[in-house]
Amino acid sequence: MYRADVFLHREGTMTRKIGERWQELSPAHRVRPGAPPTIVFHGTGDTVTPFAGAEAFHGAMLKAGNRCELVAHEGGRHGYLMFDRELYLETLRKTEAFLMSLGIGTQGDGR
């Protein structure tokens, strides 16, 4: 997921804006068996959308028997992928490898 702000967590900025019903919108609270395979890229230093939300989603997906990979970027702040071209390209390569492992797509040149 490139938009990890969907990972609502009780301590996140969006959660405070949404109010008491935040769990109704939280993907971690809506996981069911048979969900599509997912790869999540998230910075551990994100204070807008706390890393704990991505961890909760990842754990819920695995518990439900779904495939989910969590790629943590140590210290990465909110939107960290947009500020480092090499890191962004690495993320695209990891995404491509993930999709290839599912039989989706063809090998590109990583650009």
PDB file of N, CA and C in Angstrom:
ATOM      1  N   MET A   1       0.832  -1.170   0.000  1.00  0.00           N
ATOM      2  CA  MET A   1       0.000   0.000   0.000  1.00  0.00           C
ATOM      3  C   MET A   1       0.879   1.237   0.000  1.00  0.00           C
ATOM      4  N   TYR A   2       0.556   2.128  -0.878  1.00  0.00           N
ATOM      5  CA  TYR A   2       1.300   3.377  -0.913  1.00  0.00           C
ATOM      6  C   TYR A   2       0.591   4.449  -0.101  1.00  0.00           C
ATOM      7  N   ARG A   3      -0.624   4.198   0.268  1.00  0.00           N
ATOM      8  CA  ARG A   3      -1.383   5.159   1.067  1.00  0.00           C
ATOM      9  C   ARG A   3      -1.698   4.543   2.419  1.00  0.00           C
ATOM     10  N   ALA A   4      -0.686   4.477   3.247  1.00  0.00           N
ATOM     11  CA  ALA A   4      -0.859   3.827   4.545  1.00  0.00           C
ATOM     12  C   ALA A   4      -1.668   4.663   5.518  1.00  0.00           C
ATOM     13  N   ASP A   5      -2.079   5.866   5.136  1.00  0.00           N
ATOM     14  CA  ASP A   5      -2.899   6.648   6.043  1.00  0.00           C
ATOM     15  C   ASP A   5      -4.262   6.003   6.257  1.00  0.00           C
ATOM     16  N   VAL A   6      -4.544   4.935   5.530  1.00  0.00           N
ATOM     17  CA  VAL A   6      -5.779   4.204   5.789  1.00  0.00           C
ATOM     18  C   VAL A   6      -5.671   3.368   7.059  1.00  0.00           C
ATOM     19  N   PHE A   7      -4.452   3.200   7.593  1.00  0.00           N
ATOM     20  CA  PHE A   7      -4.277   2.401   8.798  1.00  0.00           C
ATOM     21  C   PHE A   7      -4.602   3.232  10.023  1.00  0.00           C
ATOM     22  N   LEU A   8      -5.863   3.292  10.324  1.00  0.00           N
ATOM     23  CA  LEU A   8      -6.291   4.065  11.476  1.00  0.00           C
ATOM     24  C   LEU A   8      -5.861   3.370  12.754  1.00  0.00           C
ATOM     25  N   HIS A   9      -5.405   4.145  13.681  1.00  0.00           N
ATOM     26  CA  HIS A   9      -4.952   3.634  14.965  1.00  0.00           C
ATOM     27  C   HIS A   9      -5.447   4.603  16.028  1.00  0.00           C
ATOM     28  N   ARG A  10      -5.716   4.092  17.196  1.00  0.00           N
ATOM     29  CA  ARG A  10      -6.312   4.927  18.241  1.00  0.00           C
ATOM     30  C   ARG A  10      -5.487   6.170  18.558  1.00  0.00           C
ATOM     31  N   GLU A  11      -4.205   6.188  18.187  1.00  0.00           N
ATOM     32  CA  GLU A  11      -3.362   7.344  18.487  1.00  0.00           C
ATOM     33  C   GLU A  11      -3.019   8.165  17.245  1.00  0.00           C
ATOM     34  N   GLY A  12      -3.673   7.913  16.132  1.00  0.00           N
ATOM     35  CA  GLY A  12      -3.348   8.615  14.892  1.00  0.00           C
ATOM     36  C   GLY A  12      -4.112   9.916  14.714  1.00  0.00           C
ATOM     37  N   THR A  13      -3.583  10.773  13.847  1.00  0.00           N
ATOM     38  CA  THR A  13      -4.188  12.066  13.564  1.00  0.00           C
ATOM     39  C   THR A  13      -5.589  11.909  12.988  1.00  0.00           C
ATOM     40  N   MET A  14      -5.748  11.044  11.988  1.00  0.00           N
ATOM     41  CA  MET A  14      -7.066  10.858  11.370  1.00  0.00           C
ATOM     42  C   MET A  14      -8.073  10.289  12.356  1.00  0.00           C
ATOM     43  N   THR A  15      -7.622   9.428  13.239  1.00  0.00           N
ATOM     44  CA  THR A  15      -8.517   8.838  14.228  1.00  0.00           C
ATOM     45  C   THR A  15      -9.109   9.926  15.112  1.00  0.00           C
ATOM     46  N   ARG A  16      -8.295  10.867  15.514  1.00  0.00           N
ATOM     47  CA  ARG A  16      -8.788  11.964  16.352  1.00  0.00           C
ATOM     48  C   ARG A  16      -9.806  12.807  15.589  1.00  0.00           C
ATOM     49  N   LYS A  17      -9.618  12.962  14.295  1.00  0.00           N
ATOM     50  CA  LYS A  17     -10.559  13.742  13.487  1.00  0.00           C
ATOM     51  C   LYS A  17     -11.876  12.996  13.284  1.00  0.00           C
ATOM     52  N   ILE A  18     -11.792  11.687  13.121  1.00  0.00           N
ATOM     53  CA  ILE A  18     -12.984  10.881  12.852  1.00  0.00           C
ATOM     54  C   ILE A  18     -13.832  10.712  14.104  1.00  0.00           C
ATOM     55  N   GLY A  19     -13.190  10.489  15.234  1.00  0.00           N
ATOM     56  CA  GLY A  19     -13.923  10.328  16.481  1.00  0.00           C
ATOM     57  C   GLY A  19     -14.114   8.878  16.875  1.00  0.00           C
ATOM     58  N   GLU A  20     -15.126   8.629  17.661  1.00  0.00           N
ATOM     59  CA  GLU A  20     -15.344   7.333  18.296  1.00  0.00           C
ATOM     60  C   GLU A  20     -15.576   6.182  17.320  1.00  0.00           C
ATOM     61  N   ARG A  21     -16.013   6.450  16.126  1.00  0.00           N
ATOM     62  CA  ARG A  21     -16.356   5.377  15.183  1.00  0.00           C
ATOM     63  C   ARG A  21     -15.182   4.989  14.282  1.00  0.00           C
ATOM     64  N   TRP A  22     -13.956   5.328  14.665  1.00  0.00           N
ATOM     65  CA  TRP A  22     -12.790   5.093  13.818  1.00  0.00           C
ATOM     66  C   TRP A  22     -12.606   3.629  13.457  1.00  0.00           C
ATOM     67  N   GLN A  23     -12.988   2.711  14.341  1.00  0.00           N
ATOM     68  CA  GLN A  23     -12.785   1.285  14.057  1.00  0.00           C
ATOM     69  C   GLN A  23     -13.627   0.806  12.878  1.00  0.00           C
ATOM     70  N   GLU A  24     -14.741   1.479  12.616  1.00  0.00           N
ATOM     71  CA  GLU A  24     -15.575   1.102  11.475  1.00  0.00           C
ATOM     72  C   GLU A  24     -14.841   1.323  10.152  1.00  0.00           C
ATOM     73  N   LEU A  25     -13.890   2.247  10.133  1.00  0.00           N
ATOM     74  CA  LEU A  25     -13.133   2.558   8.919  1.00  0.00           C
ATOM     75  C   LEU A  25     -11.747   1.939   8.908  1.00  0.00           C
ATOM     76  N   SER A  26     -11.334   1.370  10.002  1.00  0.00           N
ATOM     77  CA  SER A  26      -9.985   0.829  10.127  1.00  0.00           C
ATOM     78  C   SER A  26      -9.852  -0.512   9.414  1.00  0.00           C
ATOM     79  N   PRO A  27      -8.969  -0.608   8.408  1.00  0.00           N
ATOM     80  CA  PRO A  27      -8.770  -1.883   7.719  1.00  0.00           C
ATOM     81  C   PRO A  27      -8.384  -3.018   8.664  1.00  0.00           C
ATOM     82  N   ALA A  28      -7.634  -2.730   9.698  1.00  0.00           N
ATOM     83  CA  ALA A  28      -7.216  -3.774  10.642  1.00  0.00           C
ATOM     84  C   ALA A  28      -8.408  -4.393  11.360  1.00  0.00           C
ATOM     85  N   HIS A  29      -9.491  -3.642  11.473  1.00  0.00           N
ATOM     86  CA  HIS A  29     -10.687  -4.143  12.141  1.00  0.00           C
ATOM     87  C   HIS A  29     -11.700  -4.732  11.164  1.00  0.00           C
ATOM     88  N   ARG A  30     -11.370  -4.750   9.887  1.00  0.00           N
ATOM     89  CA  ARG A  30     -12.295  -5.258   8.867  1.00  0.00           C
ATOM     90  C   ARG A  30     -11.715  -6.433   8.086  1.00  0.00           C
ATOM     91  N   VAL A  31     -10.574  -6.939   8.519  1.00  0.00           N
ATOM     92  CA  VAL A  31      -9.921  -8.063   7.836  1.00  0.00           C
ATOM     93  C   VAL A  31     -10.758  -9.325   7.974  1.00  0.00           C
ATOM     94  N   ARG A  32     -10.874 -10.042   6.878  1.00  0.00           N
ATOM     95  CA  ARG A  32     -11.586 -11.321   6.850  1.00  0.00           C
ATOM     96  C   ARG A  32     -10.742 -12.324   6.068  1.00  0.00           C
ATOM     97  N   PRO A  33     -10.951 -13.617   6.287  1.00  0.00           N
ATOM     98  CA  PRO A  33     -10.259 -14.613   5.454  1.00  0.00           C
ATOM     99  C   PRO A  33     -10.594 -14.377   3.981  1.00  0.00           C
ATOM    100  N   GLY A  34      -9.625 -14.599   3.130  1.00  0.00           N
ATOM    101  CA  GLY A  34      -9.841 -14.438   1.699  1.00  0.00           C
ATOM    102  C   GLY A  34      -9.553 -13.039   1.178  1.00  0.00           C
ATOM    103  N   ALA A  35      -9.021 -12.173   2.015  1.00  0.00           N
ATOM    104  CA  ALA A  35      -8.666 -10.825   1.551  1.00  0.00           C
ATOM    105  C   ALA A  35      -7.523 -10.926   0.543  1.00  0.00           C
ATOM    106  N   PRO A  36      -7.426  -9.990  -0.375  1.00  0.00           N
ATOM    107  CA  PRO A  36      -6.363 -10.042  -1.384  1.00  0.00           C
ATOM    108  C   PRO A  36      -4.972  -9.951  -0.749  1.00  0.00           C
ATOM    109  N   PRO A  37      -3.990 -10.589  -1.360  1.00  0.00           N
ATOM    110  CA  PRO A  37      -2.612 -10.460  -0.877  1.00  0.00           C
ATOM    111  C   PRO A  37      -2.206  -8.983  -0.867  1.00  0.00           C
ATOM    112  N   THR A  38      -1.461  -8.609   0.148  1.00  0.00           N
ATOM    113  CA  THR A  38      -1.124  -7.202   0.346  1.00  0.00           C
ATOM    114  C   THR A  38       0.329  -7.041   0.760  1.00  0.00           C
ATOM    115  N   ILE A  39       0.980  -6.023   0.228  1.00  0.00           N
ATOM    116  CA  ILE A  39       2.303  -5.622   0.709  1.00  0.00           C
ATOM    117  C   ILE A  39       2.167  -4.191   1.217  1.00  0.00           C
ATOM    118  N   VAL A  40       2.694  -3.955   2.400  1.00  0.00           N
ATOM    119  CA  VAL A  40       2.563  -2.663   3.062  1.00  0.00           C
ATOM    120  C   VAL A  40       3.955  -2.077   3.292  1.00  0.00           C
ATOM    121  N   PHE A  41       4.147  -0.834   2.890  1.00  0.00           N
ATOM    122  CA  PHE A  41       5.379  -0.092   3.147  1.00  0.00           C
ATOM    123  C   PHE A  41       5.033   1.011   4.141  1.00  0.00           C
ATOM    124  N   HIS A  42       5.739   1.038   5.282  1.00  0.00           N
ATOM    125  CA  HIS A  42       5.375   2.024   6.306  1.00  0.00           C
ATOM    126  C   HIS A  42       6.608   2.414   7.105  1.00  0.00           C
ATOM    127  N   GLY A  43       6.720   3.682   7.414  1.00  0.00           N
ATOM    128  CA  GLY A  43       7.832   4.171   8.221  1.00  0.00           C
ATOM    129  C   GLY A  43       7.546   4.049   9.704  1.00  0.00           C
ATOM    130  N   THR A  44       8.546   3.627  10.453  1.00  0.00           N
ATOM    131  CA  THR A  44       8.363   3.464  11.902  1.00  0.00           C
ATOM    132  C   THR A  44       8.293   4.806  12.622  1.00  0.00           C
ATOM    133  N   GLY A  45       8.718   5.882  11.973  1.00  0.00           N
ATOM    134  CA  GLY A  45       8.687   7.198  12.595  1.00  0.00           C
ATOM    135  C   GLY A  45       7.487   8.036  12.199  1.00  0.00           C
ATOM    136  N   ASP A  46       6.486   7.432  11.595  1.00  0.00           N
ATOM    137  CA  ASP A  46       5.293   8.154  11.149  1.00  0.00           C
ATOM    138  C   ASP A  46       4.448   8.528  12.361  1.00  0.00           C
ATOM    139  N   THR A  47       4.248   9.827  12.578  1.00  0.00           N
ATOM    140  CA  THR A  47       3.414  10.280  13.694  1.00  0.00           C
ATOM    141  C   THR A  47       2.014  10.669  13.235  1.00  0.00           C
ATOM    142  N   VAL A  48       1.808  10.796  11.925  1.00  0.00           N
ATOM    143  CA  VAL A  48       0.476  11.094  11.392  1.00  0.00           C
ATOM    144  C   VAL A  48      -0.348   9.817  11.353  1.00  0.00           C
ATOM    145  N   THR A  49       0.238   8.767  10.835  1.00  0.00           N
ATOM    146  CA  THR A  49      -0.382   7.448  10.779  1.00  0.00           C
ATOM    147  C   THR A  49       0.589   6.487  11.459  1.00  0.00           C
ATOM    148  N   PRO A  50       0.435   6.270  12.748  1.00  0.00           N
ATOM    149  CA  PRO A  50       1.418   5.480  13.496  1.00  0.00           C
ATOM    150  C   PRO A  50       1.666   4.088  12.913  1.00  0.00           C
ATOM    151  N   PHE A  51       2.909   3.671  12.995  1.00  0.00           N
ATOM    152  CA  PHE A  51       3.336   2.360  12.518  1.00  0.00           C
ATOM    153  C   PHE A  51       2.520   1.246  13.169  1.00  0.00           C
ATOM    154  N   ALA A  52       2.060   1.465  14.376  1.00  0.00           N
ATOM    155  CA  ALA A  52       1.262   0.456  15.082  1.00  0.00           C
ATOM    156  C   ALA A  52       0.024   0.058  14.284  1.00  0.00           C
ATOM    157  N   GLY A  53      -0.534   0.981  13.508  1.00  0.00           N
ATOM    158  CA  GLY A  53      -1.693   0.652  12.681  1.00  0.00           C
ATOM    159  C   GLY A  53      -1.342  -0.338  11.585  1.00  0.00           C
ATOM    160  N   ALA A  54      -0.185  -0.153  10.960  1.00  0.00           N
ATOM    161  CA  ALA A  54       0.273  -1.089   9.929  1.00  0.00           C
ATOM    162  C   ALA A  54       0.571  -2.446  10.546  1.00  0.00           C
ATOM    163  N   GLU A  55       1.165  -2.437  11.744  1.00  0.00           N
ATOM    164  CA  GLU A  55       1.442  -3.699  12.441  1.00  0.00           C
ATOM    165  C   GLU A  55       0.149  -4.430  12.786  1.00  0.00           C
ATOM    166  N   ALA A  56      -0.854  -3.683  13.218  1.00  0.00           N
ATOM    167  CA  ALA A  56      -2.143  -4.298  13.559  1.00  0.00           C
ATOM    168  C   ALA A  56      -2.786  -4.924  12.325  1.00  0.00           C
ATOM    169  N   PHE A  57      -2.748  -4.203  11.204  1.00  0.00           N
ATOM    170  CA  PHE A  57      -3.299  -4.733   9.956  1.00  0.00           C
ATOM    171  C   PHE A  57      -2.550  -5.991   9.541  1.00  0.00           C
ATOM    172  N   HIS A  58      -1.237  -5.943   9.559  1.00  0.00           N
ATOM    173  CA  HIS A  58      -0.400  -7.080   9.187  1.00  0.00           C
ATOM    174  C   HIS A  58      -0.732  -8.293  10.051  1.00  0.00           C
ATOM    175  N   GLY A  59      -0.799  -8.098  11.352  1.00  0.00           N
ATOM    176  CA  GLY A  59      -1.118  -9.196  12.264  1.00  0.00           C
ATOM    177  C   GLY A  59      -2.502  -9.773  12.020  1.00  0.00           C
ATOM    178  N   ALA A  60      -3.471  -8.895  11.777  1.00  0.00           N
ATOM    179  CA  ALA A  60      -4.841  -9.357  11.521  1.00  0.00           C
ATOM    180  C   ALA A  60      -4.918 -10.146  10.219  1.00  0.00           C
ATOM    181  N   MET A  61      -4.198  -9.686   9.207  1.00  0.00           N
ATOM    182  CA  MET A  61      -4.184 -10.404   7.928  1.00  0.00           C
ATOM    183  C   MET A  61      -3.601 -11.803   8.097  1.00  0.00           C
ATOM    184  N   LEU A  62      -2.478 -11.905   8.792  1.00  0.00           N
ATOM    185  CA  LEU A  62      -1.856 -13.216   8.997  1.00  0.00           C
ATOM    186  C   LEU A  62      -2.749 -14.121   9.832  1.00  0.00           C
ATOM    187  N   LYS A  63      -3.344 -13.573  10.869  1.00  0.00           N
ATOM    188  CA  LYS A  63      -4.231 -14.356  11.736  1.00  0.00           C
ATOM    189  C   LYS A  63      -5.420 -14.908  10.948  1.00  0.00           C
ATOM    190  N   ALA A  64      -5.890 -14.146   9.961  1.00  0.00           N
ATOM    191  CA  ALA A  64      -7.026 -14.577   9.133  1.00  0.00           C
ATOM    192  C   ALA A  64      -6.597 -15.533   8.022  1.00  0.00           C
ATOM    193  N   GLY A  65      -5.295 -15.821   7.937  1.00  0.00           N
ATOM    194  CA  GLY A  65      -4.809 -16.749   6.920  1.00  0.00           C
ATOM    195  C   GLY A  65      -4.523 -16.108   5.578  1.00  0.00           C
ATOM    196  N   ASN A  66      -4.425 -14.794   5.556  1.00  0.00           N
ATOM    197  CA  ASN A  66      -4.162 -14.068   4.313  1.00  0.00           C
ATOM    198  C   ASN A  66      -2.667 -13.799   4.162  1.00  0.00           C
ATOM    199  N   ARG A  67      -2.255 -13.567   2.947  1.00  0.00           N
ATOM    200  CA  ARG A  67      -0.858 -13.203   2.705  1.00  0.00           C
ATOM    201  C   ARG A  67      -0.705 -11.693   2.859  1.00  0.00           C
ATOM    202  N   CYS A  68       0.245 -11.310   3.680  1.00  0.00           N
ATOM    203  CA  CYS A  68       0.529  -9.897   3.887  1.00  0.00           C
ATOM    204  C   CYS A  68       1.995  -9.747   4.249  1.00  0.00           C
ATOM    205  N   GLU A  69       2.669  -8.842   3.567  1.00  0.00           N
ATOM    206  CA  GLU A  69       4.063  -8.540   3.875  1.00  0.00           C
ATOM    207  C   GLU A  69       4.142  -7.101   4.366  1.00  0.00           C
ATOM    208  N   LEU A  70       4.856  -6.907   5.467  1.00  0.00           N
ATOM    209  CA  LEU A  70       5.055  -5.571   6.025  1.00  0.00           C
ATOM    210  C   LEU A  70       6.524  -5.201   5.866  1.00  0.00           C
ATOM    211  N   VAL A  71       6.769  -4.144   5.101  1.00  0.00           N
ATOM    212  CA  VAL A  71       8.126  -3.653   4.888  1.00  0.00           C
ATOM    213  C   VAL A  71       8.271  -2.373   5.708  1.00  0.00           C
ATOM    214  N   ALA A  72       9.038  -2.463   6.784  1.00  0.00           N
ATOM    215  CA  ALA A  72       9.223  -1.320   7.679  1.00  0.00           C
ATOM    216  C   ALA A  72      10.455  -0.525   7.273  1.00  0.00           C
ATOM    217  N   HIS A  73      10.294   0.784   7.225  1.00  0.00           N
ATOM    218  CA  HIS A  73      11.438   1.672   6.976  1.00  0.00           C
ATOM    219  C   HIS A  73      11.768   2.341   8.307  1.00  0.00           C
ATOM    220  N   GLU A  74      12.879   1.930   8.894  1.00  0.00           N
ATOM    221  CA  GLU A  74      13.272   2.420  10.215  1.00  0.00           C
ATOM    222  C   GLU A  74      13.397   3.948  10.219  1.00  0.00           C
ATOM    223  N   GLY A  75      12.607   4.570  11.074  1.00  0.00           N
ATOM    224  CA  GLY A  75      12.634   6.025  11.215  1.00  0.00           C
ATOM    225  C   GLY A  75      11.873   6.789  10.152  1.00  0.00           C
ATOM    226  N   GLY A  76      11.334   6.091   9.154  1.00  0.00           N
ATOM    227  CA  GLY A  76      10.613   6.764   8.071  1.00  0.00           C
ATOM    228  C   GLY A  76       9.418   7.540   8.588  1.00  0.00           C
ATOM    229  N   ARG A  77       9.327   8.808   8.186  1.00  0.00           N
ATOM    230  CA  ARG A  77       8.216   9.661   8.602  1.00  0.00           C
ATOM    231  C   ARG A  77       7.102   9.600   7.562  1.00  0.00           C
ATOM    232  N   HIS A  78       6.003  10.247   7.853  1.00  0.00           N
ATOM    233  CA  HIS A  78       4.849  10.240   6.968  1.00  0.00           C
ATOM    234  C   HIS A  78       5.256  10.731   5.572  1.00  0.00           C
ATOM    235  N   GLY A  79       4.980   9.931   4.552  1.00  0.00           N
ATOM    236  CA  GLY A  79       5.293  10.288   3.177  1.00  0.00           C
ATOM    237  C   GLY A  79       6.750  10.105   2.797  1.00  0.00           C
ATOM    238  N   TYR A  80       7.486   9.342   3.595  1.00  0.00           N
ATOM    239  CA  TYR A  80       8.932   9.194   3.378  1.00  0.00           C
ATOM    240  C   TYR A  80       9.297   8.707   1.979  1.00  0.00           C
ATOM    241  N   LEU A  81       8.445   7.948   1.339  1.00  0.00           N
ATOM    242  CA  LEU A  81       8.763   7.421   0.006  1.00  0.00           C
ATOM    243  C   LEU A  81       8.828   8.509  -1.059  1.00  0.00           C
ATOM    244  N   MET A  82       8.201   9.627  -0.810  1.00  0.00           N
ATOM    245  CA  MET A  82       8.143  10.692  -1.810  1.00  0.00           C
ATOM    246  C   MET A  82       9.381  11.585  -1.808  1.00  0.00           C
ATOM    247  N   PHE A  83      10.263  11.418  -0.838  1.00  0.00           N
ATOM    248  CA  PHE A  83      11.393  12.337  -0.696  1.00  0.00           C
ATOM    249  C   PHE A  83      12.743  11.737  -1.065  1.00  0.00           C
ATOM    250  N   ASP A  84      12.768  10.460  -1.394  1.00  0.00           N
ATOM    251  CA  ASP A  84      14.030   9.790  -1.710  1.00  0.00           C
ATOM    252  C   ASP A  84      13.808   8.918  -2.940  1.00  0.00           C
ATOM    253  N   ARG A  85      14.302   9.375  -4.075  1.00  0.00           N
ATOM    254  CA  ARG A  85      14.050   8.668  -5.341  1.00  0.00           C
ATOM    255  C   ARG A  85      14.544   7.230  -5.299  1.00  0.00           C
ATOM    256  N   GLU A  86      15.740   6.989  -4.768  1.00  0.00           N
ATOM    257  CA  GLU A  86      16.282   5.627  -4.719  1.00  0.00           C
ATOM    258  C   GLU A  86      15.419   4.720  -3.846  1.00  0.00           C
ATOM    259  N   LEU A  87      14.974   5.238  -2.723  1.00  0.00           N
ATOM    260  CA  LEU A  87      14.101   4.460  -1.847  1.00  0.00           C
ATOM    261  C   LEU A  87      12.774   4.173  -2.543  1.00  0.00           C
ATOM    262  N   TYR A  88      12.255   5.163  -3.260  1.00  0.00           N
ATOM    263  CA  TYR A  88      11.018   4.978  -4.006  1.00  0.00           C
ATOM    264  C   TYR A  88      11.188   3.898  -5.074  1.00  0.00           C
ATOM    265  N   LEU A  89      12.308   3.944  -5.809  1.00  0.00           N
ATOM    266  CA  LEU A  89      12.557   2.932  -6.838  1.00  0.00           C
ATOM    267  C   LEU A  89      12.725   1.546  -6.222  1.00  0.00           C
ATOM    268  N   GLU A  90      13.367   1.476  -5.071  1.00  0.00           N
ATOM    269  CA  GLU A  90      13.494   0.195  -4.369  1.00  0.00           C
ATOM    270  C   GLU A  90      12.114  -0.346  -3.995  1.00  0.00           C
ATOM    271  N   THR A  91      11.240   0.550  -3.577  1.00  0.00           N
ATOM    272  CA  THR A  91       9.873   0.157  -3.228  1.00  0.00           C
ATOM    273  C   THR A  91       9.135  -0.374  -4.452  1.00  0.00           C
ATOM    274  N   LEU A  92       9.326   0.281  -5.589  1.00  0.00           N
ATOM    275  CA  LEU A  92       8.705  -0.209  -6.823  1.00  0.00           C
ATOM    276  C   LEU A  92       9.226  -1.592  -7.188  1.00  0.00           C
ATOM    277  N   ARG A  93      10.531  -1.814  -7.009  1.00  0.00           N
ATOM    278  CA  ARG A  93      11.109  -3.136  -7.302  1.00  0.00           C
ATOM    279  C   ARG A  93      10.527  -4.201  -6.371  1.00  0.00           C
ATOM    280  N   LYS A  94      10.382  -3.871  -5.099  1.00  0.00           N
ATOM    281  CA  LYS A  94       9.802  -4.824  -4.144  1.00  0.00           C
ATOM    282  C   LYS A  94       8.337  -5.091  -4.477  1.00  0.00           C
ATOM    283  N   THR A  95       7.639  -4.056  -4.901  1.00  0.00           N
ATOM    284  CA  THR A  95       6.241  -4.227  -5.303  1.00  0.00           C
ATOM    285  C   THR A  95       6.155  -5.137  -6.522  1.00  0.00           C
ATOM    286  N   GLU A  96       7.026  -4.902  -7.484  1.00  0.00           N
ATOM    287  CA  GLU A  96       7.058  -5.733  -8.689  1.00  0.00           C
ATOM    288  C   GLU A  96       7.346  -7.190  -8.336  1.00  0.00           C
ATOM    289  N   ALA A  97       8.314  -7.428  -7.455  1.00  0.00           N
ATOM    290  CA  ALA A  97       8.645  -8.798  -7.041  1.00  0.00           C
ATOM    291  C   ALA A  97       7.463  -9.449  -6.334  1.00  0.00           C
ATOM    292  N   PHE A  98       6.758  -8.674  -5.521  1.00  0.00           N
ATOM    293  CA  PHE A  98       5.581  -9.188  -4.824  1.00  0.00           C
ATOM    294  C   PHE A  98       4.512  -9.600  -5.839  1.00  0.00           C
ATOM    295  N   LEU A  99       4.246  -8.732  -6.802  1.00  0.00           N
ATOM    296  CA  LEU A  99       3.245  -9.049  -7.828  1.00  0.00           C
ATOM    297  C   LEU A  99       3.671 -10.242  -8.670  1.00  0.00           C
ATOM    298  N   MET A 100       4.947 -10.310  -9.000  1.00  0.00           N
ATOM    299  CA  MET A 100       5.458 -11.452  -9.768  1.00  0.00           C
ATOM    300  C   MET A 100       5.260 -12.751  -8.981  1.00  0.00           C
ATOM    301  N   SER A 101       5.438 -12.707  -7.664  1.00  0.00           N
ATOM    302  CA  SER A 101       5.261 -13.910  -6.846  1.00  0.00           C
ATOM    303  C   SER A 101       3.816 -14.392  -6.859  1.00  0.00           C
ATOM    304  N   LEU A 102       2.920 -13.492  -7.232  1.00  0.00           N
ATOM    305  CA  LEU A 102       1.500 -13.834  -7.343  1.00  0.00           C
ATOM    306  C   LEU A 102       1.121 -14.228  -8.768  1.00  0.00           C
ATOM    307  N   GLY A 103       2.101 -14.180  -9.670  1.00  0.00           N
ATOM    308  CA  GLY A 103       1.824 -14.498 -11.069  1.00  0.00           C
ATOM    309  C   GLY A 103       1.223 -13.337 -11.825  1.00  0.00           C
ATOM    310  N   ILE A 104       1.427 -12.130 -11.315  1.00  0.00           N
ATOM    311  CA  ILE A 104       0.870 -10.929 -11.941  1.00  0.00           C
ATOM    312  C   ILE A 104       2.005 -10.118 -12.546  1.00  0.00           C
ATOM    313  N   GLY A 105       1.880  -9.739 -13.802  1.00  0.00           N
ATOM    314  CA  GLY A 105       2.855  -8.860 -14.426  1.00  0.00           C
ATOM    315  C   GLY A 105       4.055  -9.584 -14.999  1.00  0.00           C
ATOM    316  N   THR A 106       4.960  -8.781 -15.519  1.00  0.00           N
ATOM    317  CA  THR A 106       6.206  -9.284 -16.088  1.00  0.00           C
ATOM    318  C   THR A 106       7.356  -8.468 -15.529  1.00  0.00           C
ATOM    319  N   GLN A 107       8.540  -9.039 -15.585  1.00  0.00           N
ATOM    320  CA  GLN A 107       9.724  -8.365 -15.052  1.00  0.00           C
ATOM    321  C   GLN A 107      10.000  -7.089 -15.842  1.00  0.00           C
ATOM    322  N   GLY A 108      10.097  -5.960 -15.136  1.00  0.00           N
ATOM    323  CA  GLY A 108      10.419  -4.682 -15.776  1.00  0.00           C
ATOM    324  C   GLY A 108      11.879  -4.343 -15.565  1.00  0.00           C
ATOM    325  N   ASP A 109      12.230  -3.115 -15.862  1.00  0.00           N
ATOM    326  CA  ASP A 109      13.624  -2.707 -15.704  1.00  0.00           C
ATOM    327  C   ASP A 109      13.861  -1.925 -14.414  1.00  0.00           C
ATOM    328  N   GLY A 110      12.842  -1.811 -13.552  1.00  0.00           N
ATOM    329  CA  GLY A 110      13.013  -1.159 -12.261  1.00  0.00           C
ATOM    330  C   GLY A 110      13.056   0.356 -12.299  1.00  0.00           C
ATOM    331  N   ARG A 111      12.646   0.957 -13.406  1.00  0.00           N
ATOM    332  CA  ARG A 111      12.641   2.427 -13.472  1.00  0.00           C
ATOM    333  C   ARG A 111      11.253   2.969 -13.347  1.00  0.00           C
TER     334      ARG A 111
END
